[in-house]
Every structure is written in structure tokens, then in C-alpha cells.
N, C-alpha and C. Protein backbone atom coordinates (compact mmCIF):
# COMPACT_ATOMS: atom_id res chain seq x y z
N MET A 1 154.57 -284.48 -95.45
CA MET A 1 153.25 -284.43 -95.21
C MET A 1 152.70 -285.48 -94.47
N ARG A 2 151.98 -285.19 -93.83
CA ARG A 2 151.28 -286.23 -92.84
C ARG A 2 150.11 -287.19 -93.56
N SER A 3 150.30 -288.40 -93.19
CA SER A 3 149.47 -289.48 -93.76
C SER A 3 148.03 -289.04 -93.46
N SER A 4 147.07 -289.60 -94.23
CA SER A 4 145.60 -289.57 -93.71
C SER A 4 145.44 -290.50 -92.63
N ARG A 5 146.12 -291.70 -92.36
CA ARG A 5 145.97 -292.43 -91.09
C ARG A 5 146.42 -291.64 -89.81
N ALA A 6 147.57 -290.68 -89.81
CA ALA A 6 147.87 -290.00 -88.59
C ALA A 6 146.64 -288.96 -88.56
N ARG A 7 146.18 -288.30 -89.60
CA ARG A 7 145.36 -287.13 -89.17
C ARG A 7 143.96 -287.77 -88.70
N ALA A 8 143.61 -289.15 -89.26
CA ALA A 8 142.36 -289.91 -88.73
C ALA A 8 142.58 -290.06 -87.28
N ARG A 9 143.87 -290.67 -86.96
CA ARG A 9 144.03 -290.83 -85.56
C ARG A 9 144.00 -289.68 -84.42
N ARG A 10 144.59 -288.51 -84.83
CA ARG A 10 144.52 -287.30 -84.35
C ARG A 10 143.18 -286.68 -83.96
N ARG A 11 142.32 -286.93 -85.08
CA ARG A 11 140.89 -286.78 -84.73
C ARG A 11 140.03 -287.46 -83.91
N ARG A 12 140.32 -288.90 -83.84
CA ARG A 12 139.83 -289.73 -82.86
C ARG A 12 140.34 -289.42 -81.59
N ASP A 13 141.53 -289.18 -81.60
CA ASP A 13 141.91 -288.87 -80.12
C ASP A 13 141.40 -287.68 -79.12
N HIS A 14 140.58 -286.81 -80.02
CA HIS A 14 140.08 -285.88 -79.19
C HIS A 14 138.41 -285.81 -79.35
N LEU A 15 138.17 -286.97 -78.87
CA LEU A 15 136.61 -287.61 -78.79
C LEU A 15 135.90 -286.96 -77.33
N ALA A 16 135.01 -286.49 -77.36
CA ALA A 16 134.42 -286.26 -75.95
C ALA A 16 133.33 -287.11 -75.75
N ARG A 17 132.89 -287.71 -74.48
CA ARG A 17 131.57 -288.64 -74.30
C ARG A 17 130.95 -287.32 -74.14
N VAL A 18 129.57 -287.43 -74.99
CA VAL A 18 128.56 -286.51 -74.37
C VAL A 18 127.41 -287.31 -73.68
N VAL A 19 126.93 -286.66 -72.55
CA VAL A 19 125.78 -287.68 -71.92
C VAL A 19 124.39 -286.48 -72.15
N LEU A 20 123.44 -287.36 -72.61
CA LEU A 20 122.42 -286.62 -72.78
C LEU A 20 121.22 -287.33 -72.14
N SER A 21 120.14 -286.52 -71.72
CA SER A 21 118.94 -286.79 -70.95
C SER A 21 117.69 -286.28 -71.33
N GLY A 22 116.57 -286.69 -70.90
CA GLY A 22 115.46 -285.88 -70.85
C GLY A 22 115.04 -285.70 -72.75
N THR A 23 114.61 -284.48 -72.77
CA THR A 23 114.18 -283.98 -73.87
C THR A 23 115.34 -284.24 -75.13
N LEU A 24 116.39 -283.78 -74.41
CA LEU A 24 117.73 -283.83 -75.52
C LEU A 24 118.01 -285.12 -75.89
N GLN A 25 117.68 -286.04 -75.15
CA GLN A 25 117.97 -287.65 -75.57
C GLN A 25 116.74 -288.15 -76.45
N GLN A 26 115.68 -287.49 -76.25
CA GLN A 26 114.51 -287.75 -77.19
C GLN A 26 114.93 -287.57 -78.62
N LEU A 27 115.40 -286.08 -78.67
CA LEU A 27 115.54 -285.46 -79.79
C LEU A 27 116.83 -286.01 -80.68
N ALA A 28 117.61 -286.72 -79.98
CA ALA A 28 118.71 -287.28 -80.36
C ALA A 28 118.48 -288.44 -80.66
N GLY A 29 117.19 -289.14 -80.90
CA GLY A 29 117.02 -290.46 -81.44
C GLY A 29 117.00 -291.59 -80.19
N GLY A 30 116.99 -290.87 -79.10
CA GLY A 30 117.19 -291.92 -77.98
C GLY A 30 118.24 -291.95 -77.48
N ALA A 31 119.51 -291.56 -78.25
CA ALA A 31 120.87 -291.83 -77.56
C ALA A 31 120.94 -291.18 -76.22
N SER A 32 121.85 -291.86 -75.38
CA SER A 32 122.03 -291.19 -74.04
C SER A 32 123.67 -290.93 -74.02
N GLU A 33 124.29 -291.53 -74.67
CA GLU A 33 125.51 -291.21 -74.56
C GLU A 33 126.20 -291.31 -76.24
N LEU A 34 126.85 -290.11 -76.47
CA LEU A 34 127.67 -290.18 -77.87
C LEU A 34 129.09 -289.57 -77.93
N GLU A 35 129.80 -289.95 -78.81
CA GLU A 35 131.03 -289.30 -78.91
C GLU A 35 131.11 -288.37 -79.98
N VAL A 36 131.54 -287.40 -79.54
CA VAL A 36 131.62 -286.25 -80.41
C VAL A 36 133.09 -285.53 -80.45
N GLU A 37 133.48 -285.35 -81.83
CA GLU A 37 134.80 -284.50 -81.73
C GLU A 37 134.98 -282.92 -81.52
N ALA A 38 135.14 -282.28 -80.69
CA ALA A 38 135.00 -281.05 -80.41
C ALA A 38 135.95 -280.69 -79.18
N ARG A 39 136.85 -279.62 -79.77
CA ARG A 39 137.90 -278.69 -78.67
C ARG A 39 137.28 -278.00 -77.74
N ASP A 40 135.97 -277.19 -78.02
CA ASP A 40 135.34 -276.45 -76.90
C ASP A 40 133.95 -276.51 -77.23
N VAL A 41 133.36 -275.84 -76.27
CA VAL A 41 131.82 -275.86 -76.41
C VAL A 41 131.01 -275.59 -77.71
N ARG A 42 131.45 -274.35 -78.34
CA ARG A 42 131.10 -274.27 -79.60
C ARG A 42 130.92 -275.07 -80.64
N GLN A 43 132.21 -275.78 -80.78
CA GLN A 43 132.29 -276.97 -81.56
C GLN A 43 131.16 -277.85 -81.32
N LEU A 44 131.39 -278.46 -80.11
CA LEU A 44 130.31 -279.40 -79.59
C LEU A 44 129.00 -279.42 -80.02
N LEU A 45 128.45 -278.10 -79.59
CA LEU A 45 127.22 -277.84 -80.34
C LEU A 45 126.88 -277.80 -81.43
N ARG A 46 127.71 -277.15 -82.11
CA ARG A 46 127.45 -277.24 -83.62
C ARG A 46 127.71 -278.79 -84.20
N ALA A 47 128.51 -279.62 -83.58
CA ALA A 47 128.69 -280.68 -84.12
C ALA A 47 127.31 -281.54 -83.79
N LEU A 48 126.60 -281.25 -82.74
CA LEU A 48 125.43 -282.16 -82.04
C LEU A 48 124.24 -281.69 -83.03
N GLY A 49 124.29 -280.26 -83.29
CA GLY A 49 123.29 -279.83 -84.06
C GLY A 49 123.21 -280.19 -85.49
N GLN A 50 124.42 -280.36 -86.16
CA GLN A 50 124.67 -281.13 -87.44
C GLN A 50 124.17 -282.49 -87.54
N ARG A 51 124.36 -283.23 -86.61
CA ARG A 51 124.30 -284.84 -86.32
C ARG A 51 122.85 -285.09 -86.29
N PHE A 52 122.27 -283.92 -85.38
CA PHE A 52 120.72 -284.27 -84.92
C PHE A 52 119.88 -282.85 -85.12
N PRO A 53 119.47 -282.53 -86.52
CA PRO A 53 119.00 -281.18 -86.53
C PRO A 53 117.85 -280.79 -85.73
N GLU A 54 117.03 -282.05 -85.17
CA GLU A 54 115.93 -281.62 -84.50
C GLU A 54 116.38 -281.02 -82.89
N LEU A 55 117.81 -281.24 -82.82
CA LEU A 55 118.22 -280.87 -81.44
C LEU A 55 118.68 -279.55 -81.33
N ALA A 56 119.22 -279.03 -82.59
CA ALA A 56 120.01 -277.72 -82.98
C ALA A 56 119.25 -276.41 -82.10
N PRO A 57 117.82 -276.32 -82.43
CA PRO A 57 117.26 -275.26 -81.84
C PRO A 57 117.23 -275.27 -80.21
N HIS A 58 117.47 -276.27 -79.65
CA HIS A 58 117.08 -276.32 -78.19
C HIS A 58 118.78 -276.22 -77.44
N LEU A 59 119.75 -276.21 -78.10
CA LEU A 59 121.04 -276.17 -77.88
C LEU A 59 121.66 -274.67 -77.39
N ASP A 60 121.01 -273.60 -78.31
CA ASP A 60 121.45 -272.24 -77.77
C ASP A 60 121.13 -271.70 -76.49
N SER A 61 120.19 -272.41 -75.96
CA SER A 61 119.87 -271.64 -74.61
C SER A 61 118.99 -272.77 -73.61
N GLY A 62 119.29 -272.37 -72.34
CA GLY A 62 118.25 -273.25 -71.48
C GLY A 62 119.11 -274.39 -70.87
N TYR A 63 120.48 -274.38 -71.26
CA TYR A 63 121.23 -275.51 -70.86
C TYR A 63 122.67 -275.13 -70.31
N ALA A 64 122.94 -275.61 -69.37
CA ALA A 64 124.56 -275.59 -69.06
C ALA A 64 125.23 -276.57 -69.34
N ILE A 65 126.61 -276.38 -69.32
CA ILE A 65 127.44 -277.52 -70.00
C ILE A 65 128.22 -277.97 -68.78
N ALA A 66 128.39 -279.40 -68.55
CA ALA A 66 129.27 -279.69 -67.54
C ALA A 66 130.59 -280.49 -68.24
N ILE A 67 131.64 -280.13 -67.88
CA ILE A 67 132.92 -280.86 -68.51
C ILE A 67 133.61 -281.23 -67.46
N ASP A 68 133.60 -282.66 -67.57
CA ASP A 68 134.51 -283.31 -66.25
C ASP A 68 134.37 -282.81 -65.31
N GLY A 69 132.96 -282.69 -64.67
CA GLY A 69 132.29 -282.33 -63.60
C GLY A 69 132.57 -280.75 -63.30
N GLU A 70 132.68 -279.88 -64.07
CA GLU A 70 132.81 -278.29 -63.76
C GLU A 70 131.75 -277.70 -64.88
N ILE A 71 130.79 -277.07 -64.20
CA ILE A 71 129.69 -276.44 -64.76
C ILE A 71 130.06 -275.15 -65.48
N PHE A 72 129.71 -275.07 -66.62
CA PHE A 72 129.78 -274.00 -67.44
C PHE A 72 128.57 -273.41 -68.08
N GLN A 73 127.99 -272.12 -68.11
CA GLN A 73 127.05 -271.52 -68.60
C GLN A 73 127.38 -270.34 -69.34
N ASP A 74 127.05 -270.33 -70.74
CA ASP A 74 127.26 -269.31 -71.66
C ASP A 74 128.91 -269.24 -71.83
N ALA A 75 129.32 -270.58 -72.02
CA ALA A 75 130.76 -270.22 -72.28
C ALA A 75 131.40 -271.00 -73.45
N TRP A 76 130.97 -270.30 -74.48
CA TRP A 76 131.21 -271.12 -75.94
C TRP A 76 132.60 -271.47 -76.26
N PHE A 77 133.76 -270.99 -75.40
CA PHE A 77 135.01 -271.32 -76.15
C PHE A 77 135.71 -271.95 -74.62
N ALA A 78 134.89 -272.45 -73.91
CA ALA A 78 135.36 -273.35 -72.83
C ALA A 78 135.91 -274.74 -73.36
N PRO A 79 137.28 -274.91 -73.00
CA PRO A 79 137.81 -275.92 -73.74
C PRO A 79 137.46 -277.42 -73.30
N ILE A 80 137.42 -278.26 -74.07
CA ILE A 80 137.00 -279.75 -74.04
C ILE A 80 138.25 -280.58 -74.22
N GLY A 81 138.75 -281.27 -73.29
CA GLY A 81 140.05 -281.94 -73.49
C GLY A 81 139.63 -283.24 -74.12
N PRO A 82 140.79 -284.06 -74.72
CA PRO A 82 140.70 -285.50 -75.04
C PRO A 82 139.92 -286.34 -74.03
N ASP A 83 138.89 -287.00 -74.41
CA ASP A 83 138.43 -288.08 -73.27
C ASP A 83 137.82 -287.34 -72.26
N SER A 84 137.21 -286.06 -72.62
CA SER A 84 136.28 -285.51 -71.53
C SER A 84 134.97 -286.16 -71.64
N GLU A 85 134.53 -285.92 -70.51
CA GLU A 85 132.71 -286.42 -70.28
C GLU A 85 132.18 -285.18 -69.96
N VAL A 86 131.10 -284.83 -71.04
CA VAL A 86 130.23 -283.57 -71.32
C VAL A 86 128.96 -284.03 -71.00
N HIS A 87 128.37 -283.18 -70.20
CA HIS A 87 126.69 -283.52 -69.78
C HIS A 87 126.12 -282.03 -70.25
N LEU A 88 124.86 -281.96 -71.00
CA LEU A 88 124.04 -281.20 -71.15
C LEU A 88 123.08 -281.13 -70.39
N VAL A 89 123.07 -280.21 -69.42
CA VAL A 89 121.87 -280.09 -67.88
C VAL A 89 120.98 -278.87 -68.19
N PRO A 90 119.84 -278.99 -67.92
CA PRO A 90 119.07 -277.82 -67.88
C PRO A 90 119.47 -276.61 -66.67
N ALA A 91 119.60 -275.45 -67.50
CA ALA A 91 120.45 -274.39 -66.74
C ALA A 91 119.30 -274.10 -65.62
N ILE A 92 119.77 -273.71 -64.28
CA ILE A 92 119.35 -273.39 -63.20
C ILE A 92 119.00 -271.54 -63.23
N ARG A 93 117.84 -271.21 -63.06
CA ARG A 93 117.54 -269.75 -63.22
C ARG A 93 117.08 -269.63 -61.79
N GLY A 94 117.55 -268.24 -61.36
CA GLY A 94 117.21 -267.59 -60.18
C GLY A 94 115.94 -266.62 -60.34
N GLY A 95 115.10 -266.47 -59.14
CA GLY A 95 114.08 -265.68 -59.33
C GLY A 95 114.36 -264.37 -58.56
């Protein structure tokens, strides 16, 4: 049986650094950078919405996710590695 210390360490080892700006930063109480435990985009957005309920309605659409410099759009299960840097950026829409 694993100890609670080992489980806690394993959870801490999978923290992503999330960078917010603009409206999202305002809705997150002014935080521009956060650490969030998530293994994919879906978990990340769920965790952000739970932590900042005012932010939740804005996370469903209108934003692309950049994970370690690679941009994803509508990729709920895109993997987020340990120590990844994640940016939420307004999606670019064509005309």
C-alpha cells in the first residue's frame, strides 16, 4: 500500500504552470500564473472552473490552448506533461 506522502508527491509532480491574461486574468482574481494539476486539457479546464467559478463559462469556447508552445484548439484530451507551461489564448477566427 502506498503512503499518503507518496501519493501527494506524485500529484505535485504533475503540476502545470498556467498563464492567464486579459479577461481570464481578471476573472481569476488578478492571478496571471497558477499551478494546476492536470494530465489533459479537459482536466485543466475543469480544475480552473472549480477553482474560479466566474471563469468557468468562458473556458468552453473562444480560447485556444498552447501547451509548451504548441497550439491546440478543441483538443479536450491533448496531454499536458509534468512541468508543462500552458497558455490560454483567444482563438483566432477566420472570415
